[in-house]
N, C-alpha and C. Protein backbone atom coordinates (compact mmCIF):
# COMPACT_ATOMS: atom_id res chain seq x y z
N MET A 1 27.27 -38.44 265.82
CA MET A 1 28.32 -37.23 265.77
C MET A 1 27.52 -36.05 264.97
N SER A 2 27.41 -35.07 265.32
CA SER A 2 26.80 -34.00 264.47
C SER A 2 27.57 -33.54 263.23
N ARG A 3 26.98 -33.25 262.20
CA ARG A 3 27.58 -32.80 260.88
C ARG A 3 27.96 -31.35 261.01
N ALA A 4 29.16 -30.87 260.36
CA ALA A 4 29.26 -29.62 260.08
C ALA A 4 28.09 -28.76 259.32
N THR A 5 27.95 -27.69 259.39
CA THR A 5 27.12 -26.87 258.51
C THR A 5 27.80 -25.78 257.58
N PRO A 6 27.17 -25.38 256.75
CA PRO A 6 27.99 -24.20 255.82
C PRO A 6 28.09 -23.00 256.67
N PHE A 7 27.34 -22.87 257.56
CA PHE A 7 27.46 -21.65 258.50
C PHE A 7 28.86 -21.76 259.20
N ASP A 8 29.16 -23.00 259.60
CA ASP A 8 30.24 -23.23 260.19
C ASP A 8 31.82 -22.96 259.43
N LEU A 9 31.40 -23.44 258.07
CA LEU A 9 32.46 -23.34 257.10
C LEU A 9 32.84 -21.86 256.79
N VAL A 10 31.83 -21.31 256.35
CA VAL A 10 31.69 -19.78 255.89
C VAL A 10 32.05 -18.84 256.85
N PHE A 11 31.30 -18.93 258.02
CA PHE A 11 31.37 -17.87 259.00
C PHE A 11 32.20 -18.16 260.08
N GLY A 12 32.02 -19.34 260.74
CA GLY A 12 32.69 -19.69 262.00
C GLY A 12 32.99 -18.68 262.91
N GLY A 13 34.09 -18.18 263.45
CA GLY A 13 34.49 -17.30 264.16
C GLY A 13 34.10 -15.79 263.77
N LEU A 14 34.05 -15.73 262.51
CA LEU A 14 33.56 -14.44 261.85
C LEU A 14 32.38 -13.95 262.40
N ALA A 15 31.48 -14.64 262.48
CA ALA A 15 30.01 -14.37 263.17
C ALA A 15 30.25 -13.47 264.37
N GLU A 16 31.01 -14.29 265.37
CA GLU A 16 30.98 -13.53 266.60
C GLU A 16 31.76 -12.22 266.52
N GLU A 17 32.64 -12.25 265.58
CA GLU A 17 33.37 -10.85 265.30
C GLU A 17 32.61 -9.81 264.72
N ARG A 18 31.99 -10.08 263.72
CA ARG A 18 31.20 -9.03 262.87
C ARG A 18 29.91 -8.91 262.87
N PHE A 19 29.12 -10.04 263.24
CA PHE A 19 27.56 -9.89 263.24
C PHE A 19 27.11 -8.93 264.25
N PRO A 20 27.52 -8.76 265.51
CA PRO A 20 27.20 -8.10 266.47
C PRO A 20 27.08 -6.52 265.87
N ALA A 21 28.22 -5.98 265.16
CA ALA A 21 28.33 -4.90 264.55
C ALA A 21 27.03 -4.58 263.65
N ILE A 22 26.74 -5.51 262.91
CA ILE A 22 25.59 -5.58 262.03
C ILE A 22 24.30 -5.55 262.86
N ARG A 23 24.39 -6.31 263.71
CA ARG A 23 22.95 -6.32 264.51
C ARG A 23 22.79 -4.82 264.92
N ASP A 24 23.81 -4.16 265.69
CA ASP A 24 23.79 -2.82 266.25
C ASP A 24 23.50 -1.80 265.34
N SER A 25 24.11 -1.91 264.14
CA SER A 25 23.88 -0.74 263.11
C SER A 25 22.68 -0.95 262.66
N LEU A 26 21.88 -2.25 262.35
CA LEU A 26 20.55 -2.39 261.91
C LEU A 26 19.48 -1.86 263.07
N ALA A 27 20.04 -2.17 264.12
CA ALA A 27 18.89 -1.57 265.08
C ALA A 27 18.88 -0.07 265.42
N ARG A 28 20.06 0.60 265.09
CA ARG A 28 20.17 2.25 265.14
C ARG A 28 19.49 2.70 263.94
N SER A 29 19.59 2.02 262.88
CA SER A 29 18.79 2.56 261.66
C SER A 29 17.27 2.27 261.80
N GLY A 30 16.82 1.33 262.36
CA GLY A 30 15.53 0.94 262.40
C GLY A 30 15.12 0.16 261.33
N ALA A 31 16.18 -0.65 260.63
CA ALA A 31 16.15 -1.33 259.54
C ALA A 31 15.34 -2.82 259.92
N ASP A 32 14.51 -3.35 259.19
CA ASP A 32 13.99 -4.73 259.23
C ASP A 32 15.19 -5.63 258.84
N PRO A 33 15.79 -6.68 259.57
CA PRO A 33 17.14 -7.43 259.39
C PRO A 33 16.39 -8.52 258.45
N SER A 34 15.11 -8.91 258.59
CA SER A 34 14.66 -10.03 257.66
C SER A 34 14.35 -9.34 256.06
N ASP A 35 14.49 -8.17 256.00
CA ASP A 35 14.23 -7.53 254.70
C ASP A 35 15.58 -7.44 253.95
N ARG A 36 15.91 -8.18 252.84
CA ARG A 36 17.21 -8.34 252.30
C ARG A 36 17.62 -7.10 251.83
N ASP A 37 16.70 -6.36 250.97
CA ASP A 37 17.12 -4.90 250.49
C ASP A 37 17.53 -3.94 251.68
N GLN A 38 16.74 -4.10 252.86
CA GLN A 38 17.22 -3.23 253.90
C GLN A 38 18.64 -3.71 254.34
N PHE A 39 18.72 -4.98 254.52
CA PHE A 39 19.97 -5.53 255.15
C PHE A 39 21.21 -5.19 254.38
N VAL A 40 21.02 -5.26 253.07
CA VAL A 40 22.36 -4.83 252.10
C VAL A 40 22.80 -3.47 251.97
N LEU A 41 21.74 -2.51 252.36
CA LEU A 41 21.86 -1.26 252.44
C LEU A 41 22.69 -0.63 253.75
N ASP A 42 22.67 -1.56 254.61
CA ASP A 42 23.40 -1.28 256.15
C ASP A 42 24.85 -1.14 255.77
N ALA A 43 25.49 -0.29 256.21
CA ALA A 43 27.09 -0.24 255.97
C ALA A 43 27.75 -1.30 256.54
N GLN A 44 27.63 -1.90 257.67
CA GLN A 44 28.29 -2.91 258.32
C GLN A 44 28.05 -3.92 257.44
N ALA A 45 26.80 -4.47 257.13
CA ALA A 45 26.65 -5.48 256.22
C ALA A 45 27.20 -5.48 254.92
N ALA A 46 26.91 -4.34 254.24
CA ALA A 46 27.73 -4.20 252.67
C ALA A 46 29.22 -4.15 253.05
N GLY A 47 29.64 -3.82 253.94
CA GLY A 47 31.19 -3.93 254.16
C GLY A 47 31.84 -5.43 254.17
N LEU A 48 30.96 -6.22 255.05
CA LEU A 48 31.16 -7.60 255.22
C LEU A 48 31.07 -8.18 253.78
N LEU A 49 30.08 -7.89 253.09
CA LEU A 49 29.79 -8.56 251.70
C LEU A 49 30.83 -8.36 250.86
N ARG A 50 31.35 -7.04 250.74
CA ARG A 50 32.47 -6.68 249.95
C ARG A 50 33.71 -7.56 250.24
N GLU A 51 33.80 -8.06 251.32
CA GLU A 51 34.92 -9.00 251.78
C GLU A 51 34.76 -10.22 251.42
N LEU A 52 33.57 -10.58 251.25
CA LEU A 52 33.15 -11.98 250.82
C LEU A 52 33.27 -12.37 249.52
N VAL A 53 32.81 -11.26 248.86
CA VAL A 53 32.89 -11.53 247.19
C VAL A 53 33.84 -11.52 246.65
N PRO A 54 34.30 -12.53 245.72
CA PRO A 54 35.61 -12.67 245.19
C PRO A 54 35.89 -11.17 244.28
N ASP A 55 37.15 -10.96 244.30
CA ASP A 55 37.50 -9.63 243.30
C ASP A 55 36.91 -10.12 241.77
N GLU A 56 36.17 -8.77 241.58
CA GLU A 56 35.64 -8.72 240.31
C GLU A 56 34.40 -9.83 240.00
N GLY A 57 33.86 -9.98 241.12
CA GLY A 57 32.63 -11.06 241.26
C GLY A 57 31.43 -10.49 240.26
N GLU A 58 30.93 -11.37 239.48
CA GLU A 58 29.89 -11.28 238.64
C GLU A 58 28.80 -11.19 239.41
N ASP A 59 27.50 -10.47 238.83
CA ASP A 59 26.41 -10.18 239.49
C ASP A 59 25.72 -11.46 240.12
N THR A 60 26.01 -12.65 239.64
CA THR A 60 25.37 -13.90 240.26
C THR A 60 26.27 -14.20 241.46
N ALA A 61 27.58 -13.98 241.62
CA ALA A 61 28.34 -14.26 242.66
C ALA A 61 27.99 -13.26 243.95
N VAL A 62 27.73 -12.02 243.44
CA VAL A 62 27.19 -10.96 244.54
C VAL A 62 26.00 -11.60 245.01
N ASN A 63 25.06 -11.73 244.19
CA ASN A 63 23.67 -12.17 244.47
C ASN A 63 23.82 -13.44 245.55
N GLU A 64 24.63 -14.49 245.18
CA GLU A 64 24.60 -15.66 245.87
C GLU A 64 25.23 -15.37 247.26
N HIS A 65 26.39 -14.50 247.34
CA HIS A 65 27.14 -14.31 248.52
C HIS A 65 26.13 -13.36 249.48
N LEU A 66 25.40 -12.48 248.91
CA LEU A 66 24.33 -11.67 249.63
C LEU A 66 23.35 -12.62 250.49
N ALA A 67 22.85 -13.63 249.57
CA ALA A 67 21.81 -14.52 250.17
C ALA A 67 22.39 -15.30 251.11
N LEU A 68 23.56 -15.81 250.98
CA LEU A 68 24.13 -16.47 252.19
C LEU A 68 24.50 -15.89 253.46
N LEU A 69 25.07 -14.39 253.10
CA LEU A 69 25.21 -13.55 254.30
C LEU A 69 24.07 -13.28 255.01
N HIS A 70 22.95 -12.93 254.22
CA HIS A 70 21.67 -12.50 254.83
C HIS A 70 20.98 -13.80 255.63
N GLN A 71 21.08 -14.87 254.97
CA GLN A 71 20.36 -16.06 255.75
C GLN A 71 21.52 -16.34 257.04
N GLY A 72 22.68 -16.32 256.75
CA GLY A 72 23.62 -16.72 257.82
C GLY A 72 23.55 -15.70 258.92
N TYR A 73 23.36 -14.57 258.62
CA TYR A 73 23.06 -13.48 259.84
C TYR A 73 21.94 -13.76 260.60
N LEU A 74 20.69 -14.05 259.87
CA LEU A 74 19.45 -14.35 260.26
C LEU A 74 19.51 -15.60 261.35
N PHE A 75 20.29 -16.45 260.77
CA PHE A 75 20.31 -17.83 261.63
C PHE A 75 21.24 -17.58 262.96
N TRP A 76 22.27 -16.79 262.54
CA TRP A 76 22.94 -16.46 264.02
C TRP A 76 22.13 -15.56 264.91
N ALA A 77 21.28 -14.66 264.37
CA ALA A 77 20.56 -13.66 265.36
C ALA A 77 19.61 -14.47 265.96
N ALA A 78 18.94 -15.52 265.45
CA ALA A 78 17.97 -16.23 265.97
C ALA A 78 18.40 -17.49 267.04
N GLY A 79 19.86 -17.66 266.97
CA GLY A 79 20.28 -18.51 268.06
C GLY A 79 20.84 -19.86 267.41
N ARG A 80 21.16 -19.69 266.03
CA ARG A 80 21.85 -20.82 265.33
C ARG A 80 21.08 -22.12 265.62
N HIS A 81 19.81 -22.27 265.38
CA HIS A 81 18.99 -23.47 265.75
C HIS A 81 18.98 -24.44 264.37
N THR A 82 19.56 -25.60 264.60
CA THR A 82 19.62 -26.46 263.59
C THR A 82 18.85 -27.89 263.80
N GLN A 83 18.10 -28.12 262.79
CA GLN A 83 17.37 -29.30 262.84
C GLN A 83 17.73 -30.38 261.82
N SER A 84 17.72 -31.69 261.96
CA SER A 84 18.15 -32.76 261.14
C SER A 84 16.84 -33.73 260.99
N ILE A 85 16.75 -34.09 259.74
CA ILE A 85 15.66 -34.95 259.52
C ILE A 85 16.51 -36.34 258.89
N GLY A 86 15.90 -37.26 259.62
CA GLY A 86 16.25 -38.53 259.04
C GLY A 86 15.79 -39.12 257.84
N ARG A 87 16.52 -40.17 257.58
CA ARG A 87 16.38 -40.72 256.23
C ARG A 87 14.95 -41.41 255.88
N ALA A 88 14.37 -42.10 256.91
CA ALA A 88 13.26 -42.79 256.90
C ALA A 88 11.98 -41.73 256.88
N ASP A 89 12.25 -40.45 257.77
CA ASP A 89 11.24 -39.54 257.75
C ASP A 89 11.25 -38.65 256.70
N LEU A 90 12.49 -38.38 256.06
CA LEU A 90 12.25 -37.55 254.80
C LEU A 90 11.76 -38.35 253.58
N THR A 91 12.17 -39.48 253.53
CA THR A 91 11.48 -40.57 252.53
C THR A 91 10.17 -40.62 252.56
N ALA A 92 9.47 -40.63 253.68
CA ALA A 92 8.03 -40.76 253.69
C ALA A 92 7.28 -39.59 253.60
N LEU A 93 7.99 -38.39 253.97
CA LEU A 93 7.43 -37.11 253.68
C LEU A 93 7.44 -36.64 252.10
N LEU A 94 8.34 -37.27 251.37
CA LEU A 94 8.57 -36.83 250.07
C LEU A 94 7.79 -37.87 249.11
N SER A 95 7.52 -38.88 249.78
CA SER A 95 6.77 -39.97 248.82
C SER A 95 5.56 -39.76 248.61
N VAL A 96 4.83 -38.79 249.12
CA VAL A 96 3.19 -38.48 248.90
C VAL A 96 3.07 -37.46 248.05
N GLU A 97 2.00 -37.50 247.22
CA GLU A 97 1.74 -36.46 246.22
C GLU A 97 1.59 -35.10 246.84
N TYR A 98 0.76 -34.95 248.16
CA TYR A 98 0.34 -33.87 248.73
C TYR A 98 0.65 -34.11 250.27
N GLY A 99 1.95 -33.69 250.42
CA GLY A 99 2.30 -34.02 251.80
C GLY A 99 1.86 -32.75 252.81
N PRO A 100 1.73 -32.96 254.18
CA PRO A 100 1.75 -31.82 255.02
C PRO A 100 2.73 -30.91 255.23
N GLY A 101 2.34 -29.62 255.60
CA GLY A 101 3.55 -28.70 255.69
C GLY A 101 3.48 -28.23 257.06
N GLY A 102 4.49 -27.43 257.48
CA GLY A 102 4.62 -26.86 258.63
C GLY A 102 5.02 -25.31 258.64
N ARG A 103 4.90 -24.57 259.62
CA ARG A 103 5.54 -23.13 259.76
C ARG A 103 6.59 -22.93 260.37
N VAL A 104 7.51 -22.58 259.87
CA VAL A 104 8.85 -22.13 260.59
C VAL A 104 8.63 -21.01 261.56
N PRO A 105 9.06 -21.30 262.61
CA PRO A 105 8.84 -20.13 263.72
C PRO A 105 10.01 -18.98 263.73
N GLY A 106 11.07 -19.43 262.98
CA GLY A 106 12.21 -18.38 262.94
C GLY A 106 13.16 -18.99 262.09
N ALA A 107 14.33 -18.13 261.95
CA ALA A 107 15.37 -18.63 261.15
C ALA A 107 16.08 -19.90 261.68
N ARG A 108 16.42 -20.82 260.67
CA ARG A 108 17.10 -21.96 261.03
C ARG A 108 17.58 -22.72 259.95
N TYR A 109 18.26 -23.56 260.21
CA TYR A 109 19.05 -24.62 259.08
C TYR A 109 18.69 -25.79 259.35
N ILE A 110 17.99 -26.55 258.39
CA ILE A 110 17.54 -27.79 258.32
C ILE A 110 18.30 -28.84 257.57
N GLN A 111 18.99 -29.72 258.08
CA GLN A 111 19.87 -30.69 257.53
C GLN A 111 19.29 -31.79 257.05
N PHE A 112 19.45 -32.46 255.75
CA PHE A 112 18.78 -33.44 255.09
C PHE A 112 20.00 -34.65 255.25
N PRO A 113 19.35 -35.88 255.01
CA PRO A 113 20.22 -37.24 254.91
C PRO A 113 21.25 -36.75 253.66
N GLU A 114 22.41 -37.09 253.96
CA GLU A 114 23.33 -37.08 252.83
C GLU A 114 23.10 -37.78 251.66
N ARG A 115 23.11 -37.22 250.42
CA ARG A 115 23.11 -37.69 249.29
C ARG A 115 21.81 -38.39 248.82
N LEU A 116 20.76 -37.84 249.41
CA LEU A 116 19.31 -38.30 249.33
C LEU A 116 18.57 -37.57 248.12
N VAL A 117 18.72 -36.11 248.21
CA VAL A 117 17.99 -35.16 247.43
C VAL A 117 18.87 -34.71 246.49
N TRP A 118 18.77 -34.45 245.25
CA TRP A 118 19.76 -33.89 244.24
C TRP A 118 18.93 -32.94 243.42
N ALA A 119 19.98 -32.16 242.85
CA ALA A 119 19.21 -31.14 241.78
C ALA A 119 20.41 -30.56 240.81
N GLU A 120 20.03 -30.06 239.78
CA GLU A 120 20.83 -29.31 238.89
C GLU A 120 20.88 -27.67 239.19
N THR A 121 21.87 -27.22 239.97
CA THR A 121 21.75 -25.84 240.41
C THR A 121 21.67 -24.94 239.32
N GLU A 122 22.13 -25.34 237.95
CA GLU A 122 21.84 -24.51 236.86
C GLU A 122 21.98 -25.20 235.73
N PRO A 123 21.34 -24.91 234.58
CA PRO A 123 21.10 -25.75 233.30
C PRO A 123 22.40 -26.33 233.01
N ALA A 124 22.08 -27.78 232.63
CA ALA A 124 23.30 -28.63 232.26
C ALA A 124 24.30 -28.91 233.06
N ALA A 125 24.33 -28.38 234.35
CA ALA A 125 25.40 -28.52 235.29
C ALA A 125 25.25 -29.90 235.69
N PRO A 126 26.25 -30.45 236.42
CA PRO A 126 26.15 -31.86 237.15
C PRO A 126 25.09 -31.95 238.48
N HIS A 127 24.50 -32.72 238.61
CA HIS A 127 23.57 -32.76 239.76
C HIS A 127 24.36 -32.84 241.09
N GLU A 128 24.01 -32.20 241.97
CA GLU A 128 24.70 -32.00 243.22
C GLU A 128 23.80 -32.63 244.53
N PRO A 129 24.35 -33.08 245.51
CA PRO A 129 23.42 -33.53 246.53
C PRO A 129 23.04 -32.31 247.67
N LEU A 130 21.82 -32.28 247.92
CA LEU A 130 21.19 -31.27 248.92
C LEU A 130 21.82 -31.58 250.28
N ASP A 131 22.49 -30.70 250.94
CA ASP A 131 22.95 -30.70 252.42
C ASP A 131 21.78 -30.31 253.03
N GLY A 132 21.40 -29.13 253.01
CA GLY A 132 20.37 -28.70 253.89
C GLY A 132 19.72 -27.13 253.32
N VAL A 133 18.86 -26.68 254.06
CA VAL A 133 18.31 -25.40 253.65
C VAL A 133 18.35 -24.42 254.93
N PHE A 134 18.77 -23.09 254.65
CA PHE A 134 18.49 -22.03 255.48
C PHE A 134 17.14 -21.54 255.10
N LEU A 135 16.37 -21.18 256.24
CA LEU A 135 15.02 -20.65 255.86
C LEU A 135 14.55 -19.75 257.15
N HIS A 136 13.85 -18.68 256.73
CA HIS A 136 13.16 -17.97 257.57
C HIS A 136 11.61 -17.43 257.05
N PRO A 137 10.80 -17.07 257.97
CA PRO A 137 9.58 -16.65 257.57
C PRO A 137 9.64 -15.56 256.47
N TRP A 138 8.62 -15.47 255.52
CA TRP A 138 8.73 -14.49 254.58
C TRP A 138 7.14 -13.86 254.22
N GLN A 139 7.12 -12.49 254.68
CA GLN A 139 5.74 -11.91 254.26
C GLN A 139 4.63 -12.85 254.97
N GLY A 140 4.80 -13.07 256.16
CA GLY A 140 3.64 -13.64 256.87
C GLY A 140 3.55 -15.17 256.75
N GLU A 141 2.91 -15.62 255.66
CA GLU A 141 2.63 -17.02 255.50
C GLU A 141 3.98 -17.74 254.55
N GLY A 142 4.73 -16.92 253.90
CA GLY A 142 5.63 -17.43 253.15
C GLY A 142 6.97 -17.99 253.72
N LEU A 143 8.01 -18.44 252.91
CA LEU A 143 9.30 -18.78 253.30
C LEU A 143 10.24 -18.09 252.41
N ALA A 144 11.30 -17.82 253.04
CA ALA A 144 12.51 -17.56 252.23
C ALA A 144 13.46 -18.73 252.50
N VAL A 145 14.00 -19.28 251.21
CA VAL A 145 14.79 -20.44 251.45
C VAL A 145 15.94 -20.34 250.61
N LEU A 146 17.19 -20.74 251.33
CA LEU A 146 18.56 -20.77 250.67
C LEU A 146 18.96 -22.17 250.82
N ALA A 147 18.99 -22.92 249.74
CA ALA A 147 19.44 -24.40 249.50
C ALA A 147 20.73 -24.42 249.49
N VAL A 148 21.51 -25.40 250.06
CA VAL A 148 22.92 -25.53 249.86
C VAL A 148 23.24 -27.09 249.35
N PHE A 149 23.87 -26.97 248.23
CA PHE A 149 24.23 -28.22 247.23
C PHE A 149 25.63 -28.39 247.43
N GLY A 150 26.20 -29.74 247.47
CA GLY A 150 27.63 -30.02 247.34
C GLY A 150 28.42 -29.56 248.40
N PHE A 151 27.75 -29.54 249.55
CA PHE A 151 28.80 -29.03 250.53
C PHE A 151 29.37 -30.23 251.24
N HIS A 152 30.68 -29.83 251.46
CA HIS A 152 31.27 -30.93 252.32
C HIS A 152 32.57 -30.16 253.11
N PRO A 153 32.53 -30.49 254.34
CA PRO A 153 33.70 -29.58 255.01
C PRO A 153 34.90 -29.62 254.49
N SER A 154 35.57 -30.71 253.83
CA SER A 154 36.79 -30.61 253.31
C SER A 154 36.96 -29.81 251.92
N ARG A 155 35.91 -29.31 251.48
CA ARG A 155 35.94 -28.30 250.23
C ARG A 155 35.41 -27.03 250.61
N MET A 156 35.93 -25.96 249.96
CA MET A 156 35.49 -24.56 250.34
C MET A 156 34.50 -23.98 249.46
N GLY A 157 34.15 -24.79 248.41
CA GLY A 157 33.07 -24.21 247.60
C GLY A 157 31.71 -25.07 247.71
N PHE A 158 30.72 -24.41 247.42
CA PHE A 158 29.31 -25.21 247.26
C PHE A 158 28.58 -24.27 246.44
N SER A 159 27.24 -24.91 246.06
CA SER A 159 26.28 -24.21 245.18
C SER A 159 25.21 -23.71 246.20
N VAL A 160 24.50 -22.71 245.97
CA VAL A 160 23.19 -22.31 246.68
C VAL A 160 22.39 -21.92 245.69
N VAL A 161 21.08 -22.10 246.03
CA VAL A 161 19.89 -21.83 245.15
C VAL A 161 19.01 -21.24 246.16
N ALA A 162 18.43 -20.01 245.93
CA ALA A 162 17.46 -19.27 246.64
C ALA A 162 15.99 -19.27 246.08
N ALA A 163 15.01 -19.16 246.84
CA ALA A 163 13.72 -19.19 246.52
C ALA A 163 12.95 -18.51 247.62
N GLU A 164 11.86 -17.79 247.20
CA GLU A 164 10.89 -17.28 248.35
C GLU A 164 9.48 -17.22 247.86
N GLY A 165 8.62 -17.25 248.66
CA GLY A 165 7.14 -17.24 248.38
C GLY A 165 6.31 -18.09 249.33
N ARG A 166 5.32 -18.22 248.90
CA ARG A 166 4.25 -18.98 249.57
C ARG A 166 4.19 -20.46 248.89
N ARG A 167 3.95 -21.33 249.86
CA ARG A 167 3.77 -22.56 249.48
C ARG A 167 2.91 -22.91 248.20
N PRO A 168 3.53 -23.33 247.24
CA PRO A 168 2.50 -23.52 246.09
C PRO A 168 1.32 -24.38 246.19
N GLU A 169 0.12 -24.28 245.73
CA GLU A 169 -1.02 -24.87 245.78
C GLU A 169 -1.24 -26.06 244.80
N ARG A 170 -1.20 -27.24 245.34
CA ARG A 170 -1.40 -28.38 244.35
C ARG A 170 -0.43 -28.57 243.20
N LEU A 171 0.85 -28.33 243.67
CA LEU A 171 1.96 -28.36 242.90
C LEU A 171 2.04 -29.56 242.25
N ALA A 172 2.39 -29.69 240.66
CA ALA A 172 2.67 -30.73 239.85
C ALA A 172 3.59 -30.33 238.94
N ARG A 173 4.29 -31.39 238.36
CA ARG A 173 5.36 -31.43 237.56
C ARG A 173 4.52 -31.42 236.13
N THR A 174 5.01 -30.83 235.03
CA THR A 174 4.42 -30.55 233.82
C THR A 174 4.76 -31.87 232.93
N ASP A 175 5.67 -32.66 233.42
CA ASP A 175 5.85 -34.02 232.67
C ASP A 175 4.93 -35.08 233.16
N GLY A 176 4.16 -34.96 234.23
CA GLY A 176 3.43 -35.84 234.98
C GLY A 176 4.03 -36.58 235.84
N SER A 177 5.41 -36.66 236.17
CA SER A 177 6.08 -37.22 236.83
C SER A 177 5.70 -36.89 238.23
N ALA A 178 5.86 -37.74 239.37
CA ALA A 178 5.72 -37.24 240.64
C ALA A 178 6.78 -36.38 241.28
N LEU A 179 6.04 -35.57 242.16
CA LEU A 179 6.95 -34.40 242.63
C LEU A 179 8.12 -35.13 243.43
N PHE A 180 9.33 -34.64 243.32
CA PHE A 180 10.54 -35.07 244.01
C PHE A 180 10.89 -36.60 243.39
N ALA A 181 10.46 -36.96 242.22
CA ALA A 181 10.76 -38.25 241.74
C ALA A 181 12.32 -37.93 241.13
N PRO A 182 13.14 -38.92 241.05
CA PRO A 182 14.43 -38.53 240.68
C PRO A 182 14.48 -38.28 239.17
N VAL A 183 15.56 -37.40 238.75
CA VAL A 183 15.79 -37.34 237.45
C VAL A 183 17.33 -37.71 237.25
N LEU A 184 17.91 -38.21 238.13
CA LEU A 184 19.27 -38.87 237.92
C LEU A 184 19.11 -40.12 237.57
N PRO A 185 19.92 -40.49 236.39
CA PRO A 185 19.81 -41.86 235.84
C PRO A 185 20.10 -42.94 236.99
N GLY A 186 19.20 -43.97 237.22
CA GLY A 186 19.32 -44.86 238.26
C GLY A 186 18.97 -44.38 239.61
N GLY A 187 18.27 -43.38 239.64
CA GLY A 187 17.91 -42.58 240.84
C GLY A 187 16.85 -43.26 241.51
N ALA A 188 15.90 -43.95 240.73
CA ALA A 188 14.73 -44.49 241.28
C ALA A 188 15.24 -45.83 242.09
N GLN A 189 16.03 -46.62 241.43
CA GLN A 189 16.55 -47.80 241.98
C GLN A 189 17.36 -47.39 243.27
N ALA A 190 17.96 -46.32 243.33
CA ALA A 190 18.68 -46.03 244.54
C ALA A 190 17.95 -45.45 245.57
N GLY A 191 16.51 -45.23 245.41
CA GLY A 191 15.77 -44.41 246.15
C GLY A 191 16.03 -43.11 246.52
N LEU A 192 16.44 -42.31 245.57
CA LEU A 192 16.88 -40.92 245.64
C LEU A 192 15.58 -39.90 245.28
N PHE A 193 15.82 -38.61 245.44
CA PHE A 193 14.83 -37.87 245.07
C PHE A 193 15.39 -36.62 244.31
N SER A 194 14.74 -35.70 243.65
CA SER A 194 15.19 -34.68 242.96
C SER A 194 14.44 -33.57 243.05
N ILE A 195 14.94 -32.25 243.09
CA ILE A 195 14.20 -30.98 243.11
C ILE A 195 14.31 -30.46 241.65
N THR A 196 13.24 -30.03 240.88
CA THR A 196 13.38 -29.41 239.40
C THR A 196 13.05 -28.16 239.46
N GLY A 197 12.79 -27.34 240.51
CA GLY A 197 12.70 -26.04 240.13
C GLY A 197 12.38 -25.19 241.42
N PRO A 198 12.18 -23.73 241.69
CA PRO A 198 12.14 -23.31 242.86
C PRO A 198 10.76 -23.62 243.45
N GLU A 199 9.88 -23.74 242.78
CA GLU A 199 8.49 -23.96 243.43
C GLU A 199 8.70 -25.57 244.16
N GLU A 200 9.29 -26.47 243.63
CA GLU A 200 9.56 -27.65 244.08
C GLU A 200 10.40 -27.55 245.43
N LEU A 201 11.46 -26.61 245.41
CA LEU A 201 12.29 -26.36 246.57
C LEU A 201 11.37 -25.65 247.79
N LEU A 202 10.41 -24.79 247.62
CA LEU A 202 9.63 -24.07 248.29
C LEU A 202 8.60 -25.25 249.04
N GLU A 203 8.08 -26.16 248.13
CA GLU A 203 7.39 -27.31 248.69
C GLU A 203 7.97 -28.15 249.73
N LEU A 204 9.48 -28.47 249.25
CA LEU A 204 10.40 -29.06 250.12
C LEU A 204 10.66 -28.40 251.49
N ALA A 205 10.69 -27.34 251.35
CA ALA A 205 11.05 -26.57 252.62
C ALA A 205 9.78 -26.46 253.54
N ALA A 206 8.57 -26.42 252.81
CA ALA A 206 7.49 -26.36 253.80
C ALA A 206 7.04 -27.66 254.44
N ARG A 207 7.32 -28.66 253.69
CA ARG A 207 7.42 -30.11 254.26
C ARG A 207 8.30 -30.37 255.46
N ALA A 208 9.56 -29.74 255.18
CA ALA A 208 10.48 -30.02 256.09
C ALA A 208 10.29 -29.00 257.41
N ALA A 209 9.50 -27.92 257.32
CA ALA A 209 9.31 -27.15 258.37
C ALA A 209 8.38 -27.87 259.42
N LEU A 210 7.82 -29.09 259.22
CA LEU A 210 7.12 -30.04 260.06
C LEU A 210 8.10 -30.15 261.24
N PHE A 211 9.30 -30.52 260.95
CA PHE A 211 10.23 -30.78 261.97
C PHE A 211 10.87 -29.58 262.80
N CYS A 212 10.36 -28.53 262.51
CA CYS A 212 10.82 -27.39 263.37
C CYS A 212 10.09 -27.53 264.66
N PRO A 213 10.64 -27.28 265.85
CA PRO A 213 9.99 -27.27 267.01
C PRO A 213 9.10 -25.97 267.19
N GLU A 214 8.21 -26.12 268.05
CA GLU A 214 7.29 -24.90 268.42
C GLU A 214 8.06 -23.76 269.04
N PRO A 215 7.71 -22.55 269.04
CA PRO A 215 8.50 -21.49 269.83
C PRO A 215 8.49 -21.81 271.18
N GLY A 216 9.73 -21.75 271.73
CA GLY A 216 9.82 -21.95 273.42
C GLY A 216 10.30 -23.30 273.41
N LYS A 217 10.37 -24.20 272.37
CA LYS A 217 10.73 -25.74 272.57
C LYS A 217 11.99 -25.98 271.59
N GLU A 218 12.77 -24.83 271.43
CA GLU A 218 13.91 -24.91 270.49
C GLU A 218 15.06 -25.72 271.34
N PRO A 219 15.53 -26.55 270.44
CA PRO A 219 16.95 -27.25 271.09
C PRO A 219 18.02 -26.32 271.69
N ALA A 220 18.96 -26.63 272.29
CA ALA A 220 19.80 -25.73 272.64
C ALA A 220 20.88 -25.33 271.26
N ALA A 221 21.24 -24.38 271.23
CA ALA A 221 22.15 -24.08 270.14
C ALA A 221 23.41 -24.63 270.04
N ARG A 222 23.94 -25.28 268.99
CA ARG A 222 25.30 -26.23 268.84
C ARG A 222 26.55 -25.10 269.29
């Protein structure tokens, strides 16, 4: 049985109601939809963002909602392609020092096994499990990633962390521990993994992109 996604929870029927107007408005202005700065200057996108941000929202809340709206729109415009990675596959992918990486052919959402990868989404905050990542190509060889933590269909809130850039070269942790090694107490015994920063998130996304099908071989949208 397929899992719900953050897109389902936040946008649901709203996407079909509002996203076509954003698409048409962006096309009329000649704006690049993948450029977040151009996206937010569009009147239709800015109007929807104002509706989504809580009243008197802080800058952090505005930026997080903008990142989610932008990634959600690109996900919708690309056909709502979702991939899932099994526990054994992801464990193997994250258990090597220098894992292979892939190129993402377009915007999509990659779902990870539940409660396998964890992170602090802000300093001293409780660790939260990673549900998945929205991602799309960024400046040629790079990736724009929005990770979703603490998502569950029964709760309205979840945390997001954004990162963009090219895959780090020979990334290593400053404390000498292995990439993705758990920092949760008891995490090693439970076979868990942790993300400790934006570069590690980019590395995770690059490795996960191996599971994205080649262009023309996409599964049917859910």
